[in-house]
Protein backbone atom coordinates (compact mmCIF):
# COMPACT_ATOMS: atom_id res chain seq x y z
CA UNK A 1 0.00 0.00 0.00
CA UNK A 2 1.29 3.45 -0.91
CA UNK A 3 1.76 5.97 1.88
CA UNK A 4 -0.38 9.04 1.33
CA UNK A 5 -0.79 12.53 2.73
CA UNK A 6 -3.70 14.91 2.35
CA UNK A 7 -3.06 18.12 0.46
CA UNK A 8 -4.42 20.99 2.59
CA UNK A 9 -5.42 22.90 -0.55
CA UNK A 10 -7.30 20.36 -2.70
CA UNK A 11 -8.04 17.94 0.13
CA UNK A 12 -7.07 14.90 -1.92
CA UNK A 13 -5.00 12.05 -0.55
CA UNK A 14 -1.83 11.98 -2.63
CA UNK A 15 1.32 9.84 -2.59
CA UNK A 16 3.68 11.24 0.05
CA UNK A 17 6.28 11.87 -2.66
CA UNK A 18 4.14 14.65 -4.15
CA UNK A 19 3.05 16.36 -0.90
CA UNK A 20 5.40 18.52 1.12
CA UNK A 21 5.24 21.15 3.81
CA UNK A 22 5.70 24.42 2.00
CA UNK A 23 4.09 27.77 1.45
CA UNK A 24 2.22 29.05 -1.58
CA UNK A 25 1.88 32.71 -2.51
CA UNK A 26 -1.70 33.26 -1.27
CA UNK A 27 -0.94 31.95 2.25
CA UNK A 28 2.67 33.15 2.66
CA UNK A 29 4.36 33.09 5.11
CA UNK A 30 2.19 30.26 6.51
CA UNK A 31 3.20 26.72 5.64
CA UNK A 32 1.01 23.71 4.96
CA UNK A 33 1.10 20.24 3.43
CA UNK A 34 0.58 21.03 -0.28
CA UNK A 35 0.76 18.77 -3.33
CA UNK A 36 2.97 19.77 -6.25
CA UNK A 37 -0.02 20.43 -8.51
CA UNK A 38 -1.67 22.84 -6.07
CA UNK A 39 1.69 24.46 -5.38
CA UNK A 40 2.16 25.08 -9.11
CA UNK A 41 -1.36 26.50 -9.58
CA UNK A 42 -1.30 28.70 -6.46
CA UNK A 43 2.15 30.13 -7.29
CA UNK A 44 1.38 30.77 -10.97
CA UNK A 45 0.79 34.34 -12.07
CA UNK A 46 0.58 36.11 -15.38
CA UNK A 47 2.65 39.22 -16.17
CA UNK A 48 1.35 42.48 -14.67
CA UNK A 49 0.11 43.73 -18.06
CA UNK A 50 -2.22 40.72 -18.47
CA UNK A 51 -5.61 39.98 -16.93
CA UNK A 52 -5.16 37.51 -14.08
CA UNK A 53 -8.36 35.67 -15.11
CA UNK A 54 -8.29 35.41 -18.92
CA UNK A 55 -4.76 36.49 -19.87
CA UNK A 56 -5.85 39.30 -22.18
CA UNK A 57 -3.57 42.30 -22.44
CA UNK A 58 -4.74 45.16 -20.21
CA UNK A 59 -3.71 48.78 -20.59
CA UNK A 60 -5.97 49.98 -17.80
CA UNK A 61 -6.97 47.18 -15.49
CA UNK A 62 -9.24 46.84 -12.51
CA UNK A 63 -7.64 45.90 -9.20
CA UNK A 64 -9.06 43.13 -7.07
CA UNK A 65 -7.82 42.36 -3.58
CA UNK A 66 -9.39 39.37 -1.90
CA UNK A 67 -8.97 37.66 1.45
CA UNK A 68 -10.45 34.17 1.34
CA UNK A 69 -10.23 30.67 2.82
CA UNK A 70 -8.02 28.57 0.54
CA UNK A 71 -8.91 24.96 -0.04
CA UNK A 72 -10.17 22.15 2.13
CA UNK A 73 -8.24 23.41 5.16
CA UNK A 74 -9.58 26.96 4.70
CA UNK A 75 -6.11 28.41 4.98
CA UNK A 76 -6.14 32.20 5.34
CA UNK A 77 -5.26 33.47 1.88
CA UNK A 78 -4.91 36.79 0.06
CA UNK A 79 -4.53 37.75 -3.59
CA UNK A 80 -4.13 41.09 -5.30
CA UNK A 81 -4.66 40.91 -9.07
CA UNK A 82 -5.56 43.02 -12.07
CA UNK A 83 -8.55 42.10 -14.24
CA UNK A 84 -9.63 43.29 -17.69
CA UNK A 85 -12.97 45.07 -18.00
CA UNK A 86 -14.84 41.92 -19.10
CA UNK A 87 -13.54 39.79 -16.21
CA UNK A 88 -14.04 42.56 -13.63
CA UNK A 89 -17.59 42.98 -14.88
CA UNK A 90 -18.17 39.22 -14.70
CA UNK A 91 -16.90 39.05 -11.09
CA UNK A 92 -19.05 42.03 -10.02
CA UNK A 93 -22.16 40.65 -11.73
CA UNK A 94 -21.59 37.20 -10.26
CA UNK A 95 -21.47 38.74 -6.78
CA UNK A 96 -24.58 40.87 -7.43
CA UNK A 97 -26.67 38.00 -8.83
CA UNK A 98 -25.38 35.65 -6.13
CA UNK A 99 -26.55 38.14 -3.51
CA UNK A 100 -30.04 38.19 -5.02
CA UNK A 101 -30.11 34.38 -5.09
CA UNK A 102 -29.05 34.27 -1.42
CA UNK A 103 -31.93 36.54 -0.35
CA UNK A 104 -35.23 34.64 -0.66
CA UNK A 105 -37.40 37.78 -0.83
CA UNK A 106 -35.12 39.44 -3.40
CA UNK A 107 -34.98 36.20 -5.40
CA UNK A 108 -38.80 36.04 -5.52
CA UNK A 109 -38.94 39.69 -6.67
CA UNK A 110 -36.30 38.93 -9.31
CA UNK A 111 -38.35 36.01 -10.66
CA UNK A 112 -41.48 38.22 -10.72
CA UNK A 113 -39.58 40.87 -12.71
CA UNK A 114 -38.32 38.29 -15.22
CA UNK A 115 -41.83 36.82 -15.57
CA UNK A 116 -43.29 40.30 -16.23
CA UNK A 117 -40.60 41.11 -18.79
CA UNK A 118 -41.24 37.83 -20.60
CA UNK A 119 -45.02 38.44 -20.61
CA UNK A 120 -44.51 41.93 -22.06
CA UNK A 121 -42.12 40.53 -24.67
CA UNK A 122 -44.68 37.88 -25.71
CA UNK A 123 -47.40 40.57 -25.95
CA UNK A 124 -45.16 42.76 -28.11
CA UNK A 125 -44.32 39.83 -30.40
CA UNK A 126 -48.01 38.92 -30.70
CA UNK A 127 -48.90 42.53 -31.59
CA UNK A 128 -46.13 42.60 -34.18
CA UNK A 129 -47.47 39.40 -35.78
CA UNK A 130 -51.01 40.80 -35.84
CA UNK A 131 -49.85 44.16 -37.22
CA UNK A 132 -47.62 42.47 -39.79
CA UNK A 133 -50.60 41.17 -41.74
CA UNK A 134 -52.16 44.61 -42.29
CA UNK A 135 -51.72 46.70 -45.42
CA UNK A 136 -50.53 50.20 -44.71
């Protein structure tokens, strides 16, 4: 049987040969048992003139600083990155829509708004079909 250790980032049991006590950039200077794959991913970064999410070139980027629990062990982590406008917009919208989903009353209102918009759209399409058959 192979000896294994749990990676504190991904939580997977890995052969002991690929897990070591080390630090990775987001948790530095703390140390933890980390597999080589997670170490590689967590220490990887793109050049400063590239979006940290998609890699696109950015002339004027949007800064994001985030404290978060990293991995299965919820290690205290921090990143500071630059995002392009599309990725920054995606992150902000994901947070906004996630907040609505997390609030039951807001989520119900959101569904009502979508339902009303769809009903109005169907009515407009129906009127356009009816009006399309008339001679002007």
